Amino acid sequence: MSEDSELEKLKAKRLAEMQQNLSSIKKTETAEETEKKERQNPRDMVLKFLGFRGEEVLQNAESQFPLETKSIIVQLSQLIKSGELNEMMDGGQLLQLFRSIGLNVRMNTKINVEQDGKFVSLSEKISSNDEQ
């Protein structure tokens, strides 16, 4: 019987050690996840909050105003981290933001019209009318 009780004590001790190791591993993983979120690239964080054509506007702004856009991305990521910005921004809203602070981001504009049941660019429509 004494062997059984010693065996049970050893099992209980080993189980306690395993539980302690498991809890320390979980704490480490949680701390790493929090640190990873804090270290996340500000641009990637902002991209997650951009909706329809938002990435296109951001790319145009980065190519036309690289330094200013980088600063704005950092500010937006801080607003996202703090929870002050929690809604998706579409391209129009982002473009309006850039223009409101004085950055006139130019966008490629294309006008399509219907011709013979198909959508063609306005320039193609005009050139085909000239040929006729």
C-alpha atoms as a PDB file:
ATOM      1  CA  MET A   1       0.000   0.000   0.000  1.00  0.00           C
ATOM      2  CA  SER A   2       2.803   2.426   0.728  1.00  0.00           C
ATOM      3  CA  GLU A   3       4.041   1.965  -2.837  1.00  0.00           C
ATOM      4  CA  ASP A   4       0.594   2.863  -4.151  1.00  0.00           C
ATOM      5  CA  SER A   5       0.426   6.040  -2.096  1.00  0.00           C
ATOM      6  CA  GLU A   6       3.946   7.042  -3.155  1.00  0.00           C
ATOM      7  CA  LEU A   7       3.035   6.399  -6.772  1.00  0.00           C
ATOM      8  CA  GLU A   8      -0.092   8.541  -6.389  1.00  0.00           C
ATOM      9  CA  LYS A   9       1.975  11.345  -4.819  1.00  0.00           C
ATOM     10  CA  LEU A  10       4.464  11.201  -7.703  1.00  0.00           C
ATOM     11  CA  LYS A  11       1.623  11.270 -10.240  1.00  0.00           C
ATOM     12  CA  ALA A  12       0.023  14.253  -8.495  1.00  0.00           C
ATOM     13  CA  LYS A  13       3.357  16.074  -8.360  1.00  0.00           C
ATOM     14  CA  ARG A  14       4.012  15.417 -12.050  1.00  0.00           C
ATOM     15  CA  LEU A  15       0.478  16.514 -12.955  1.00  0.00           C
ATOM     16  CA  ALA A  16       0.967  19.780 -11.049  1.00  0.00           C
ATOM     17  CA  GLU A  17       4.256  20.405 -12.868  1.00  0.00           C
ATOM     18  CA  MET A  18       2.624  19.761 -16.234  1.00  0.00           C
ATOM     19  CA  GLN A  19      -0.261  22.132 -15.436  1.00  0.00           C
ATOM     20  CA  GLN A  20       2.181  24.836 -14.347  1.00  0.00           C
ATOM     21  CA  ASN A  21       4.184  24.418 -17.573  1.00  0.00           C
ATOM     22  CA  LEU A  22       1.012  24.583 -19.628  1.00  0.00           C
ATOM     23  CA  SER A  23      -0.175  27.777 -17.948  1.00  0.00           C
ATOM     24  CA  SER A  24       3.229  29.453 -18.440  1.00  0.00           C
ATOM     25  CA  ILE A  25       3.175  28.481 -22.130  1.00  0.00           C
ATOM     26  CA  LYS A  26      -0.298  30.006 -22.516  1.00  0.00           C
ATOM     27  CA  LYS A  27       0.841  33.234 -20.835  1.00  0.00           C
ATOM     28  CA  THR A  28       3.827  33.425 -23.171  1.00  0.00           C
ATOM     29  CA  GLU A  29       1.628  32.839 -26.235  1.00  0.00           C
ATOM     30  CA  THR A  30      -0.818  35.535 -25.132  1.00  0.00           C
ATOM     31  CA  ALA A  31       2.010  38.007 -24.552  1.00  0.00           C
ATOM     32  CA  GLU A  32       3.479  37.175 -27.972  1.00  0.00           C
ATOM     33  CA  GLU A  33       0.102  37.696 -29.663  1.00  0.00           C
ATOM     34  CA  THR A  34      -0.327  41.078 -27.985  1.00  0.00           C
ATOM     35  CA  GLU A  35       3.203  42.090 -28.949  1.00  0.00           C
ATOM     36  CA  LYS A  36       2.620  40.925 -32.527  1.00  0.00           C
ATOM     37  CA  LYS A  37      -0.503  43.088 -32.795  1.00  0.00           C
ATOM     38  CA  GLU A  38       1.426  46.086 -31.511  1.00  0.00           C
ATOM     39  CA  ARG A  39       4.274  45.463 -33.963  1.00  0.00           C
ATOM     40  CA  GLN A  40       1.958  44.928 -36.915  1.00  0.00           C
ATOM     41  CA  ASN A  41       2.805  47.009 -39.935  1.00  0.00           C
ATOM     42  CA  PRO A  42       0.663  50.196 -39.821  1.00  0.00           C
ATOM     43  CA  ARG A  43      -0.068  49.923 -43.554  1.00  0.00           C
ATOM     44  CA  ASP A  44      -1.390  46.374 -43.195  1.00  0.00           C
ATOM     45  CA  MET A  45      -3.574  47.468 -40.313  1.00  0.00           C
ATOM     46  CA  VAL A  46      -5.037  50.315 -42.383  1.00  0.00           C
ATOM     47  CA  LEU A  47      -5.554  48.019 -45.394  1.00  0.00           C
ATOM     48  CA  LYS A  48      -7.815  45.795 -43.279  1.00  0.00           C
ATOM     49  CA  PHE A  49     -10.106  48.790 -42.707  1.00  0.00           C
ATOM     50  CA  LEU A  50     -10.297  49.845 -46.361  1.00  0.00           C
ATOM     51  CA  GLY A  51     -13.340  48.927 -48.410  1.00  0.00           C
ATOM     52  CA  PHE A  52     -14.291  49.369 -52.058  1.00  0.00           C
ATOM     53  CA  ARG A  53     -11.423  50.989 -54.027  1.00  0.00           C
ATOM     54  CA  GLY A  54      -9.687  52.042 -50.816  1.00  0.00           C
ATOM     55  CA  GLU A  55      -6.475  50.254 -51.683  1.00  0.00           C
ATOM     56  CA  GLU A  56      -6.436  51.918 -55.103  1.00  0.00           C
ATOM     57  CA  VAL A  57      -6.717  55.371 -53.518  1.00  0.00           C
ATOM     58  CA  LEU A  58      -4.003  54.498 -50.994  1.00  0.00           C
ATOM     59  CA  GLN A  59      -1.635  53.309 -53.734  1.00  0.00           C
ATOM     60  CA  ASN A  60      -2.173  56.490 -55.761  1.00  0.00           C
ATOM     61  CA  ALA A  61      -1.585  58.623 -52.667  1.00  0.00           C
ATOM     62  CA  GLU A  62       1.615  56.711 -51.852  1.00  0.00           C
ATOM     63  CA  SER A  63       2.970  57.196 -55.352  1.00  0.00           C
ATOM     64  CA  GLN A  64       2.076  60.901 -55.513  1.00  0.00           C
ATOM     65  CA  PHE A  65       2.759  61.949 -51.890  1.00  0.00           C
ATOM     66  CA  PRO A  66       4.959  59.251 -50.289  1.00  0.00           C
ATOM     67  CA  LEU A  67       6.087  61.070 -47.134  1.00  0.00           C
ATOM     68  CA  GLU A  68       2.732  62.618 -46.317  1.00  0.00           C
ATOM     69  CA  THR A  69       0.875  59.364 -46.958  1.00  0.00           C
ATOM     70  CA  LYS A  70       3.228  57.440 -44.679  1.00  0.00           C
ATOM     71  CA  SER A  71       2.483  59.890 -41.885  1.00  0.00           C
ATOM     72  CA  ILE A  72      -1.261  59.606 -42.482  1.00  0.00           C
ATOM     73  CA  ILE A  73      -1.057  55.796 -42.448  1.00  0.00           C
ATOM     74  CA  VAL A  74       0.681  55.887 -39.069  1.00  0.00           C
ATOM     75  CA  GLN A  75      -1.988  58.240 -37.688  1.00  0.00           C
ATOM     76  CA  LEU A  76      -4.809  56.063 -39.029  1.00  0.00           C
ATOM     77  CA  SER A  77      -3.236  52.928 -37.545  1.00  0.00           C
ATOM     78  CA  GLN A  78      -3.045  54.639 -34.150  1.00  0.00           C
ATOM     79  CA  LEU A  79      -6.730  55.542 -34.409  1.00  0.00           C
ATOM     80  CA  ILE A  80      -7.509  51.917 -35.246  1.00  0.00           C
ATOM     81  CA  LYS A  81      -5.446  50.623 -32.298  1.00  0.00           C
ATOM     82  CA  SER A  82      -7.149  52.997 -29.883  1.00  0.00           C
ATOM     83  CA  GLY A  83     -10.583  52.018 -31.182  1.00  0.00           C
ATOM     84  CA  GLU A  84     -11.508  55.526 -32.326  1.00  0.00           C
ATOM     85  CA  LEU A  85     -11.689  54.293 -35.918  1.00  0.00           C
ATOM     86  CA  ASN A  86     -13.730  51.122 -36.088  1.00  0.00           C
ATOM     87  CA  GLU A  87     -15.639  51.399 -39.382  1.00  0.00           C
ATOM     88  CA  MET A  88     -14.561  50.426 -42.868  1.00  0.00           C
ATOM     89  CA  MET A  89     -13.420  53.305 -45.105  1.00  0.00           C
ATOM     90  CA  ASP A  90     -14.167  53.076 -48.802  1.00  0.00           C
ATOM     91  CA  GLY A  91     -12.081  54.741 -51.484  1.00  0.00           C
ATOM     92  CA  GLY A  92     -14.302  57.813 -51.625  1.00  0.00           C
ATOM     93  CA  GLN A  93     -13.975  58.471 -47.913  1.00  0.00           C
ATOM     94  CA  LEU A  94     -10.210  58.010 -48.011  1.00  0.00           C
ATOM     95  CA  LEU A  95      -9.928  60.309 -51.027  1.00  0.00           C
ATOM     96  CA  GLN A  96     -12.019  62.903 -49.192  1.00  0.00           C
ATOM     97  CA  LEU A  97      -9.709  62.608 -46.172  1.00  0.00           C
ATOM     98  CA  PHE A  98      -6.624  63.235 -48.304  1.00  0.00           C
ATOM     99  CA  ARG A  99      -8.226  66.184 -50.055  1.00  0.00           C
ATOM    100  CA  SER A 100      -9.476  67.701 -46.785  1.00  0.00           C
ATOM    101  CA  ILE A 101      -5.893  67.963 -45.532  1.00  0.00           C
ATOM    102  CA  GLY A 102      -4.687  69.479 -48.784  1.00  0.00           C
ATOM    103  CA  LEU A 103      -3.403  66.470 -50.715  1.00  0.00           C
ATOM    104  CA  ASN A 104      -5.081  66.444 -54.100  1.00  0.00           C
ATOM    105  CA  VAL A 105      -4.651  62.775 -54.981  1.00  0.00           C
ATOM    106  CA  ARG A 106      -5.291  62.281 -58.677  1.00  0.00           C
ATOM    107  CA  MET A 107      -7.228  59.219 -59.730  1.00  0.00           C
ATOM    108  CA  ASN A 108      -7.421  57.636 -63.152  1.00  0.00           C
ATOM    109  CA  THR A 109     -10.876  58.294 -64.496  1.00  0.00           C
ATOM    110  CA  LYS A 110     -12.546  56.208 -67.159  1.00  0.00           C
ATOM    111  CA  ILE A 111     -15.998  56.882 -68.588  1.00  0.00           C
ATOM    112  CA  ASN A 112     -17.760  53.927 -70.185  1.00  0.00           C
ATOM    113  CA  VAL A 113     -20.812  54.187 -72.436  1.00  0.00           C
ATOM    114  CA  GLU A 114     -23.036  51.538 -73.924  1.00  0.00           C
ATOM    115  CA  GLN A 115     -22.639  50.849 -77.621  1.00  0.00           C
ATOM    116  CA  ASP A 116     -24.335  47.931 -79.348  1.00  0.00           C
ATOM    117  CA  GLY A 117     -25.071  46.234 -76.003  1.00  0.00           C
ATOM    118  CA  LYS A 118     -21.452  46.480 -74.800  1.00  0.00           C
ATOM    119  CA  PHE A 119     -19.720  48.971 -72.573  1.00  0.00           C
ATOM    120  CA  VAL A 120     -16.851  50.763 -74.312  1.00  0.00           C
ATOM    121  CA  SER A 121     -14.712  53.671 -73.191  1.00  0.00           C
ATOM    122  CA  LEU A 122     -15.818  57.136 -74.227  1.00  0.00           C
ATOM    123  CA  SER A 123     -12.643  57.613 -76.286  1.00  0.00           C
ATOM    124  CA  GLU A 124     -13.400  54.436 -78.275  1.00  0.00           C
ATOM    125  CA  LYS A 125     -16.974  55.610 -78.837  1.00  0.00           C
ATOM    126  CA  ILE A 126     -15.795  58.991 -80.118  1.00  0.00           C
ATOM    127  CA  SER A 127     -13.122  57.456 -82.383  1.00  0.00           C
ATOM    128  CA  SER A 128     -15.613  54.985 -83.868  1.00  0.00           C
ATOM    129  CA  ASN A 129     -18.050  57.856 -84.607  1.00  0.00           C
ATOM    130  CA  ASP A 130     -15.254  59.781 -86.352  1.00  0.00           C
ATOM    131  CA  GLU A 131     -14.566  56.804 -88.613  1.00  0.00           C
ATOM    132  CA  GLN A 132     -18.174  56.598 -89.763  1.00  0.00           C
END
